[in-house]
Amino acid sequence: MKAIISMVMAVLFSVSLYSVNPIKVYKGNSVYSSDVICNISNSKIYKKNSIYSSDVVCTIRENKIYKSNSIYSSDVIYSIVDSKVYKGNSTYNSDIVMTIREGKIYKGTSVYNSDVIASVRNGKVYKGNSVYSNDVIFHFDGELTLVEFVAVWYAVNYVW
């Protein structure tokens, strides 16, 4: 009996090591569960509050974002290198979609103030250069890496 209890405890302990609360992404300033756009867990972006494999929007692996559950090179949506986001598997300057620097998202290779698409501050993403609460596009309730942020950007802007 002790052996069974020890095995069960070991399994529960190992499961808890791998169970990490997902980071949730909400519309605007909302904190309602009905306003969850997506969540990030185990290097995957899931629709809304789901954790089902059928609801995976994209997968993160190293510095690349892949379609759904794929990790095939033909399914790369974005590659991120030195704060630049490239289309697909490319690292050509002409394939830069956006540049992310110092809390700002710029069009293409630009770092001009007039080319700011969005600003990120304290887990909130604002339209353009704004930091007004009415201009919050979405916010997240945890820390995101640059690659995770780009995957969330993709999910928010191109999946819904």
N, C-alpha and C. Protein backbone atom coordinates (compact mmCIF):
# COMPACT_ATOMS: atom_id res chain seq x y z
N MET A 1 0.83 -1.20 0.00
CA MET A 1 0.00 0.00 0.00
C MET A 1 0.87 1.26 0.00
N LYS A 2 1.94 1.23 0.83
CA LYS A 2 2.84 2.39 0.88
C LYS A 2 3.49 2.64 -0.48
N ALA A 3 3.80 1.56 -1.19
CA ALA A 3 4.43 1.70 -2.51
C ALA A 3 3.49 2.38 -3.49
N ILE A 4 2.21 2.02 -3.44
CA ILE A 4 1.22 2.63 -4.33
C ILE A 4 1.06 4.11 -4.00
N ILE A 5 0.97 4.43 -2.72
CA ILE A 5 0.83 5.83 -2.31
C ILE A 5 2.06 6.63 -2.75
N SER A 6 3.24 6.05 -2.59
CA SER A 6 4.48 6.72 -3.01
C SER A 6 4.49 6.98 -4.52
N MET A 7 4.02 5.98 -5.29
CA MET A 7 3.97 6.14 -6.75
C MET A 7 2.98 7.25 -7.13
N VAL A 8 1.82 7.25 -6.50
CA VAL A 8 0.82 8.27 -6.79
C VAL A 8 1.36 9.66 -6.45
N MET A 9 2.01 9.79 -5.32
CA MET A 9 2.59 11.08 -4.91
C MET A 9 3.67 11.52 -5.89
N ALA A 10 4.48 10.59 -6.34
CA ALA A 10 5.53 10.91 -7.31
C ALA A 10 4.93 11.40 -8.62
N VAL A 11 3.87 10.74 -9.08
CA VAL A 11 3.20 11.15 -10.33
C VAL A 11 2.59 12.54 -10.15
N LEU A 12 1.89 12.77 -9.05
CA LEU A 12 1.28 14.06 -8.80
C LEU A 12 2.33 15.17 -8.72
N PHE A 13 3.45 14.88 -8.07
CA PHE A 13 4.52 15.85 -7.96
C PHE A 13 5.10 16.17 -9.33
N SER A 14 5.33 15.16 -10.15
CA SER A 14 5.91 15.41 -11.48
C SER A 14 4.93 16.15 -12.38
N VAL A 15 3.64 15.87 -12.26
CA VAL A 15 2.64 16.59 -13.04
C VAL A 15 2.62 18.06 -12.63
N SER A 16 2.72 18.33 -11.34
CA SER A 16 2.69 19.72 -10.89
C SER A 16 3.90 20.50 -11.36
N LEU A 17 5.03 19.82 -11.57
CA LEU A 17 6.21 20.50 -12.10
C LEU A 17 5.99 21.00 -13.51
N TYR A 18 5.21 20.26 -14.30
CA TYR A 18 4.97 20.62 -15.68
C TYR A 18 3.69 21.42 -15.88
N SER A 19 2.91 21.58 -14.85
CA SER A 19 1.68 22.35 -14.95
C SER A 19 1.99 23.81 -14.67
N VAL A 20 1.90 24.62 -15.66
CA VAL A 20 2.14 26.04 -15.52
C VAL A 20 0.87 26.75 -15.93
N ASN A 21 0.48 27.72 -15.14
CA ASN A 21 -0.72 28.47 -15.49
C ASN A 21 -0.50 29.20 -16.81
N PRO A 22 -1.46 29.08 -17.71
CA PRO A 22 -1.30 29.78 -18.99
C PRO A 22 -1.37 31.29 -18.81
N ILE A 23 -0.71 31.99 -19.69
CA ILE A 23 -0.83 33.44 -19.73
C ILE A 23 -2.01 33.75 -20.62
N LYS A 24 -2.91 34.57 -20.14
CA LYS A 24 -4.13 34.88 -20.89
C LYS A 24 -4.02 36.25 -21.54
N VAL A 25 -4.62 36.36 -22.71
CA VAL A 25 -4.64 37.61 -23.46
C VAL A 25 -6.10 38.04 -23.57
N TYR A 26 -6.37 39.28 -23.13
CA TYR A 26 -7.74 39.79 -23.08
C TYR A 26 -7.94 40.94 -24.07
N LYS A 27 -9.18 41.10 -24.51
CA LYS A 27 -9.56 42.25 -25.35
C LYS A 27 -9.46 43.52 -24.52
N GLY A 28 -8.93 44.56 -25.09
CA GLY A 28 -8.87 45.86 -24.43
C GLY A 28 -8.38 45.77 -23.00
N ASN A 29 -9.12 46.42 -22.10
CA ASN A 29 -8.78 46.42 -20.67
C ASN A 29 -9.57 45.38 -19.88
N SER A 30 -10.35 44.57 -20.56
CA SER A 30 -11.22 43.62 -19.88
C SER A 30 -10.44 42.57 -19.09
N VAL A 31 -11.05 42.07 -18.04
CA VAL A 31 -10.49 40.95 -17.29
C VAL A 31 -11.51 39.82 -17.17
N TYR A 32 -12.58 39.89 -17.97
CA TYR A 32 -13.61 38.86 -17.95
C TYR A 32 -13.16 37.65 -18.77
N SER A 33 -13.47 36.47 -18.27
CA SER A 33 -13.07 35.25 -18.98
C SER A 33 -13.72 35.17 -20.36
N SER A 34 -14.87 35.80 -20.52
CA SER A 34 -15.53 35.80 -21.84
C SER A 34 -14.78 36.67 -22.85
N ASP A 35 -13.87 37.50 -22.39
CA ASP A 35 -13.10 38.38 -23.26
C ASP A 35 -11.67 37.89 -23.48
N VAL A 36 -11.40 36.65 -23.12
CA VAL A 36 -10.08 36.08 -23.39
C VAL A 36 -10.00 35.80 -24.89
N ILE A 37 -8.97 36.35 -25.53
CA ILE A 37 -8.76 36.15 -26.97
C ILE A 37 -8.02 34.84 -27.20
N CYS A 38 -6.96 34.65 -26.41
CA CYS A 38 -6.15 33.44 -26.53
C CYS A 38 -5.35 33.26 -25.25
N ASN A 39 -4.67 32.13 -25.14
CA ASN A 39 -3.80 31.90 -24.00
C ASN A 39 -2.55 31.18 -24.48
N ILE A 40 -1.47 31.35 -23.72
CA ILE A 40 -0.18 30.77 -24.06
C ILE A 40 0.17 29.74 -23.00
N SER A 41 0.45 28.53 -23.46
CA SER A 41 0.84 27.47 -22.55
C SER A 41 1.72 26.48 -23.30
N ASN A 42 2.82 26.09 -22.70
CA ASN A 42 3.73 25.09 -23.28
C ASN A 42 4.12 25.42 -24.72
N SER A 43 4.48 26.67 -24.97
CA SER A 43 4.95 27.14 -26.28
C SER A 43 3.90 27.04 -27.38
N LYS A 44 2.65 27.13 -26.99
CA LYS A 44 1.56 27.10 -27.97
C LYS A 44 0.57 28.22 -27.64
N ILE A 45 -0.02 28.77 -28.69
CA ILE A 45 -1.08 29.76 -28.53
C ILE A 45 -2.39 29.05 -28.82
N TYR A 46 -3.30 29.07 -27.85
CA TYR A 46 -4.59 28.40 -27.97
C TYR A 46 -5.70 29.44 -28.11
N LYS A 47 -6.76 29.08 -28.80
CA LYS A 47 -7.94 29.93 -28.91
C LYS A 47 -8.60 30.09 -27.54
N LYS A 48 -9.01 31.28 -27.24
CA LYS A 48 -9.74 31.61 -26.02
C LYS A 48 -9.12 30.94 -24.78
N ASN A 49 -9.92 30.21 -23.99
CA ASN A 49 -9.43 29.55 -22.77
C ASN A 49 -9.08 28.08 -23.00
N SER A 50 -9.11 27.65 -24.23
CA SER A 50 -8.90 26.24 -24.55
C SER A 50 -7.45 25.79 -24.31
N ILE A 51 -7.30 24.50 -24.07
CA ILE A 51 -5.97 23.87 -24.05
C ILE A 51 -6.01 22.60 -24.90
N TYR A 52 -7.00 22.50 -25.78
CA TYR A 52 -7.13 21.34 -26.66
C TYR A 52 -6.23 21.50 -27.88
N SER A 53 -5.64 20.42 -28.30
CA SER A 53 -4.72 20.48 -29.45
C SER A 53 -5.43 20.95 -30.72
N SER A 54 -6.72 20.70 -30.82
CA SER A 54 -7.46 21.16 -32.01
C SER A 54 -7.64 22.68 -32.03
N ASP A 55 -7.38 23.34 -30.90
CA ASP A 55 -7.53 24.79 -30.81
C ASP A 55 -6.20 25.54 -30.81
N VAL A 56 -5.12 24.87 -31.21
CA VAL A 56 -3.82 25.53 -31.27
C VAL A 56 -3.79 26.44 -32.50
N VAL A 57 -3.51 27.70 -32.28
CA VAL A 57 -3.41 28.68 -33.35
C VAL A 57 -2.01 28.63 -33.96
N CYS A 58 -1.00 28.59 -33.09
CA CYS A 58 0.37 28.50 -33.57
C CYS A 58 1.27 27.92 -32.48
N THR A 59 2.43 27.43 -32.94
CA THR A 59 3.40 26.80 -32.06
C THR A 59 4.70 27.60 -32.11
N ILE A 60 5.32 27.77 -30.96
CA ILE A 60 6.58 28.51 -30.86
C ILE A 60 7.71 27.51 -30.64
N ARG A 61 8.73 27.65 -31.44
CA ARG A 61 9.91 26.79 -31.27
C ARG A 61 11.13 27.63 -31.61
N GLU A 62 11.99 27.80 -30.61
CA GLU A 62 13.18 28.65 -30.72
C GLU A 62 12.75 30.05 -31.17
N ASN A 63 13.21 30.52 -32.32
CA ASN A 63 12.87 31.88 -32.75
C ASN A 63 11.85 31.88 -33.89
N LYS A 64 11.06 30.82 -34.01
CA LYS A 64 10.10 30.70 -35.11
C LYS A 64 8.69 30.44 -34.58
N ILE A 65 7.72 30.89 -35.38
CA ILE A 65 6.32 30.66 -35.08
C ILE A 65 5.74 29.86 -36.24
N TYR A 66 5.11 28.74 -35.90
CA TYR A 66 4.58 27.80 -36.90
C TYR A 66 3.06 27.78 -36.87
N LYS A 67 2.45 27.42 -37.99
CA LYS A 67 1.01 27.26 -38.07
C LYS A 67 0.56 26.10 -37.18
N SER A 68 -0.53 26.26 -36.51
CA SER A 68 -1.17 25.22 -35.68
C SER A 68 -0.16 24.46 -34.84
N ASN A 69 -0.19 23.12 -34.93
CA ASN A 69 0.69 22.26 -34.16
C ASN A 69 1.96 21.88 -34.91
N SER A 70 2.13 22.43 -36.08
CA SER A 70 3.24 22.04 -36.95
C SER A 70 4.59 22.55 -36.47
N ILE A 71 5.63 21.85 -36.84
CA ILE A 71 7.00 22.35 -36.69
C ILE A 71 7.79 22.10 -37.99
N TYR A 72 7.04 22.00 -39.10
CA TYR A 72 7.66 21.83 -40.41
C TYR A 72 8.12 23.19 -40.93
N SER A 73 9.25 23.19 -41.61
CA SER A 73 9.80 24.45 -42.12
C SER A 73 8.84 25.12 -43.11
N SER A 74 8.04 24.34 -43.81
CA SER A 74 7.08 24.92 -44.76
C SER A 74 5.92 25.63 -44.05
N ASP A 75 5.77 25.41 -42.75
CA ASP A 75 4.68 26.01 -41.98
C ASP A 75 5.12 27.16 -41.09
N VAL A 76 6.31 27.69 -41.33
CA VAL A 76 6.78 28.82 -40.53
C VAL A 76 6.02 30.08 -40.96
N ILE A 77 5.41 30.73 -39.97
CA ILE A 77 4.69 31.99 -40.21
C ILE A 77 5.68 33.15 -40.12
N TYR A 78 6.44 33.17 -39.03
CA TYR A 78 7.42 34.23 -38.78
C TYR A 78 8.71 33.66 -38.21
N SER A 79 9.80 34.33 -38.52
CA SER A 79 11.10 34.09 -37.90
C SER A 79 11.51 35.40 -37.24
N ILE A 80 12.01 35.33 -36.02
CA ILE A 80 12.39 36.53 -35.29
C ILE A 80 13.90 36.49 -35.05
N VAL A 81 14.58 37.52 -35.54
CA VAL A 81 16.03 37.64 -35.37
C VAL A 81 16.35 39.10 -35.04
N ASP A 82 17.05 39.32 -33.94
CA ASP A 82 17.48 40.67 -33.55
C ASP A 82 16.34 41.69 -33.58
N SER A 83 15.23 41.37 -32.97
CA SER A 83 14.06 42.26 -32.86
C SER A 83 13.38 42.56 -34.18
N LYS A 84 13.71 41.82 -35.22
CA LYS A 84 13.06 41.97 -36.51
C LYS A 84 12.22 40.73 -36.79
N VAL A 85 11.02 40.94 -37.30
CA VAL A 85 10.10 39.85 -37.59
C VAL A 85 10.04 39.67 -39.10
N TYR A 86 10.44 38.47 -39.54
CA TYR A 86 10.51 38.15 -40.97
C TYR A 86 9.35 37.23 -41.36
N LYS A 87 8.89 37.36 -42.60
CA LYS A 87 7.87 36.45 -43.15
C LYS A 87 8.49 35.08 -43.31
N GLY A 88 7.77 34.06 -42.88
CA GLY A 88 8.20 32.68 -43.09
C GLY A 88 9.57 32.39 -42.54
N ASN A 89 10.34 31.63 -43.31
CA ASN A 89 11.68 31.19 -42.91
C ASN A 89 12.76 32.17 -43.36
N SER A 90 12.36 33.27 -43.93
CA SER A 90 13.29 34.22 -44.52
C SER A 90 14.06 35.01 -43.47
N THR A 91 15.23 35.49 -43.87
CA THR A 91 15.96 36.49 -43.09
C THR A 91 16.44 37.60 -44.02
N TYR A 92 15.74 37.76 -45.16
CA TYR A 92 16.05 38.84 -46.09
C TYR A 92 15.41 40.13 -45.62
N ASN A 93 16.13 41.22 -45.79
CA ASN A 93 15.63 42.54 -45.39
C ASN A 93 14.28 42.85 -46.02
N SER A 94 14.08 42.43 -47.24
CA SER A 94 12.82 42.72 -47.93
C SER A 94 11.63 41.97 -47.34
N ASP A 95 11.90 40.97 -46.50
CA ASP A 95 10.84 40.18 -45.88
C ASP A 95 10.56 40.57 -44.43
N ILE A 96 11.10 41.69 -43.99
CA ILE A 96 10.83 42.15 -42.62
C ILE A 96 9.43 42.74 -42.56
N VAL A 97 8.61 42.16 -41.69
CA VAL A 97 7.22 42.61 -41.51
C VAL A 97 7.16 43.75 -40.51
N MET A 98 7.92 43.62 -39.42
CA MET A 98 7.93 44.65 -38.39
C MET A 98 9.21 44.56 -37.57
N THR A 99 9.51 45.67 -36.91
CA THR A 99 10.67 45.75 -36.02
C THR A 99 10.13 46.11 -34.65
N ILE A 100 10.61 45.43 -33.63
CA ILE A 100 10.15 45.69 -32.26
C ILE A 100 11.34 46.19 -31.45
N ARG A 101 11.21 47.41 -30.96
CA ARG A 101 12.31 48.03 -30.23
C ARG A 101 11.77 48.93 -29.13
N GLU A 102 12.31 48.77 -27.94
CA GLU A 102 12.00 49.65 -26.81
C GLU A 102 10.50 49.88 -26.62
N GLY A 103 9.74 48.79 -26.67
CA GLY A 103 8.30 48.86 -26.40
C GLY A 103 7.47 49.40 -27.55
N LYS A 104 8.03 49.49 -28.73
CA LYS A 104 7.30 49.98 -29.90
C LYS A 104 7.37 48.95 -31.02
N ILE A 105 6.28 48.85 -31.76
CA ILE A 105 6.23 47.98 -32.94
C ILE A 105 6.17 48.91 -34.15
N TYR A 106 7.16 48.76 -35.02
CA TYR A 106 7.28 49.61 -36.21
C TYR A 106 6.99 48.82 -37.47
N LYS A 107 6.48 49.51 -38.50
CA LYS A 107 6.28 48.89 -39.82
C LYS A 107 7.62 48.55 -40.42
N GLY A 108 7.73 47.36 -40.96
CA GLY A 108 8.93 46.95 -41.68
C GLY A 108 10.21 47.20 -40.92
N THR A 109 11.18 47.84 -41.59
CA THR A 109 12.49 48.09 -40.99
C THR A 109 12.57 49.46 -40.33
N SER A 110 11.49 50.22 -40.39
CA SER A 110 11.50 51.58 -39.88
C SER A 110 11.63 51.62 -38.37
N VAL A 111 12.21 52.69 -37.88
CA VAL A 111 12.20 52.99 -36.45
C VAL A 111 11.80 54.47 -36.25
N TYR A 112 11.06 54.99 -37.24
CA TYR A 112 10.56 56.37 -37.16
C TYR A 112 9.27 56.40 -36.37
N ASN A 113 9.10 57.46 -35.62
CA ASN A 113 7.91 57.65 -34.80
C ASN A 113 6.62 57.58 -35.62
N SER A 114 6.67 58.06 -36.85
CA SER A 114 5.47 58.06 -37.70
C SER A 114 5.10 56.66 -38.17
N ASP A 115 5.99 55.69 -38.01
CA ASP A 115 5.73 54.31 -38.45
C ASP A 115 5.42 53.36 -37.30
N VAL A 116 5.08 53.90 -36.13
CA VAL A 116 4.73 53.06 -34.98
C VAL A 116 3.34 52.47 -35.20
N ILE A 117 3.26 51.14 -35.17
CA ILE A 117 1.99 50.43 -35.30
C ILE A 117 1.31 50.34 -33.94
N ALA A 118 2.12 50.02 -32.92
CA ALA A 118 1.58 49.85 -31.57
C ALA A 118 2.68 50.07 -30.54
N SER A 119 2.25 50.34 -29.32
CA SER A 119 3.18 50.53 -28.19
C SER A 119 2.82 49.51 -27.11
N VAL A 120 3.83 48.98 -26.46
CA VAL A 120 3.62 47.99 -25.41
C VAL A 120 4.16 48.56 -24.10
N ARG A 121 3.30 48.53 -23.09
CA ARG A 121 3.70 49.06 -21.79
C ARG A 121 2.94 48.35 -20.69
N ASN A 122 3.66 47.79 -19.74
CA ASN A 122 3.05 47.11 -18.58
C ASN A 122 2.02 46.07 -18.97
N GLY A 123 2.34 45.27 -19.98
CA GLY A 123 1.45 44.19 -20.39
C GLY A 123 0.25 44.64 -21.20
N LYS A 124 0.23 45.90 -21.61
CA LYS A 124 -0.87 46.42 -22.43
C LYS A 124 -0.32 46.86 -23.78
N VAL A 125 -1.10 46.58 -24.81
CA VAL A 125 -0.71 46.95 -26.17
C VAL A 125 -1.68 48.03 -26.64
N TYR A 126 -1.11 49.20 -26.97
CA TYR A 126 -1.88 50.37 -27.36
C TYR A 126 -1.77 50.64 -28.86
N LYS A 127 -2.77 51.28 -29.44
CA LYS A 127 -2.73 51.70 -30.84
C LYS A 127 -1.65 52.77 -31.01
N GLY A 128 -0.85 52.63 -32.04
CA GLY A 128 0.15 53.64 -32.37
C GLY A 128 1.03 54.02 -31.20
N ASN A 129 1.23 55.32 -31.02
CA ASN A 129 2.08 55.85 -29.94
C ASN A 129 1.30 56.10 -28.65
N SER A 130 0.03 55.81 -28.64
CA SER A 130 -0.83 56.13 -27.51
C SER A 130 -0.49 55.31 -26.27
N VAL A 131 -0.80 55.87 -25.11
CA VAL A 131 -0.78 55.13 -23.85
C VAL A 131 -2.06 55.44 -23.06
N TYR A 132 -3.11 55.86 -23.79
CA TYR A 132 -4.40 56.13 -23.16
C TYR A 132 -5.19 54.83 -23.00
N SER A 133 -5.90 54.71 -21.90
CA SER A 133 -6.63 53.47 -21.62
C SER A 133 -7.67 53.14 -22.69
N ASN A 134 -8.23 54.14 -23.35
CA ASN A 134 -9.20 53.89 -24.42
C ASN A 134 -8.56 53.28 -25.66
N ASP A 135 -7.25 53.35 -25.77
CA ASP A 135 -6.54 52.87 -26.94
C ASP A 135 -5.88 51.50 -26.74
N VAL A 136 -6.23 50.81 -25.66
CA VAL A 136 -5.67 49.48 -25.42
C VAL A 136 -6.33 48.50 -26.40
N ILE A 137 -5.50 47.83 -27.20
CA ILE A 137 -6.00 46.84 -28.15
C ILE A 137 -6.22 45.52 -27.42
N PHE A 138 -5.20 45.10 -26.67
CA PHE A 138 -5.28 43.89 -25.85
C PHE A 138 -4.25 43.97 -24.75
N HIS A 139 -4.40 43.12 -23.75
CA HIS A 139 -3.40 43.04 -22.68
C HIS A 139 -3.22 41.59 -22.25
N PHE A 140 -2.11 41.32 -21.60
CA PHE A 140 -1.81 39.96 -21.16
C PHE A 140 -1.43 39.98 -19.69
N ASP A 141 -1.68 38.85 -19.01
CA ASP A 141 -1.53 38.80 -17.56
C ASP A 141 -0.26 38.09 -17.09
N GLY A 142 0.82 38.23 -17.81
CA GLY A 142 2.08 37.62 -17.42
C GLY A 142 3.21 38.16 -18.27
N GLU A 143 4.37 37.56 -18.11
CA GLU A 143 5.55 37.96 -18.88
C GLU A 143 5.62 37.15 -20.17
N LEU A 144 5.89 37.83 -21.28
CA LEU A 144 6.04 37.18 -22.58
C LEU A 144 7.43 37.42 -23.13
N THR A 145 8.00 36.42 -23.75
CA THR A 145 9.23 36.62 -24.50
C THR A 145 8.88 37.37 -25.78
N LEU A 146 9.88 37.83 -26.49
CA LEU A 146 9.63 38.52 -27.76
C LEU A 146 8.91 37.60 -28.73
N VAL A 147 9.36 36.36 -28.83
CA VAL A 147 8.74 35.41 -29.77
C VAL A 147 7.31 35.11 -29.36
N GLU A 148 7.06 34.93 -28.07
CA GLU A 148 5.68 34.72 -27.60
C GLU A 148 4.81 35.93 -27.93
N PHE A 149 5.36 37.12 -27.74
CA PHE A 149 4.60 38.32 -28.04
C PHE A 149 4.22 38.36 -29.52
N VAL A 150 5.16 38.05 -30.40
CA VAL A 150 4.88 38.06 -31.83
C VAL A 150 3.81 37.02 -32.17
N ALA A 151 3.85 35.86 -31.52
CA ALA A 151 2.82 34.83 -31.75
C ALA A 151 1.45 35.34 -31.30
N VAL A 152 1.40 36.02 -30.17
CA VAL A 152 0.14 36.61 -29.70
C VAL A 152 -0.32 37.69 -30.67
N TRP A 153 0.59 38.52 -31.13
CA TRP A 153 0.26 39.56 -32.12
C TRP A 153 -0.38 38.93 -33.34
N TYR A 154 0.22 37.85 -33.82
CA TYR A 154 -0.33 37.13 -34.98
C TYR A 154 -1.75 36.63 -34.67
N ALA A 155 -1.92 35.98 -33.52
CA ALA A 155 -3.23 35.43 -33.16
C ALA A 155 -4.29 36.53 -33.06
N VAL A 156 -3.95 37.62 -32.42
CA VAL A 156 -4.91 38.71 -32.22
C VAL A 156 -5.24 39.41 -33.53
N ASN A 157 -4.25 39.65 -34.36
CA ASN A 157 -4.45 40.45 -35.57
C ASN A 157 -4.83 39.68 -36.82
N TYR A 158 -4.51 38.40 -36.88
CA TYR A 158 -4.73 37.69 -38.13
C TYR A 158 -5.61 36.45 -38.02
N VAL A 159 -5.89 36.01 -36.82
CA VAL A 159 -6.72 34.81 -36.67
C VAL A 159 -8.17 35.19 -36.36
N TRP A 160 -8.38 36.28 -35.62
CA TRP A 160 -9.74 36.67 -35.28
C TRP A 160 -10.17 37.79 -36.13
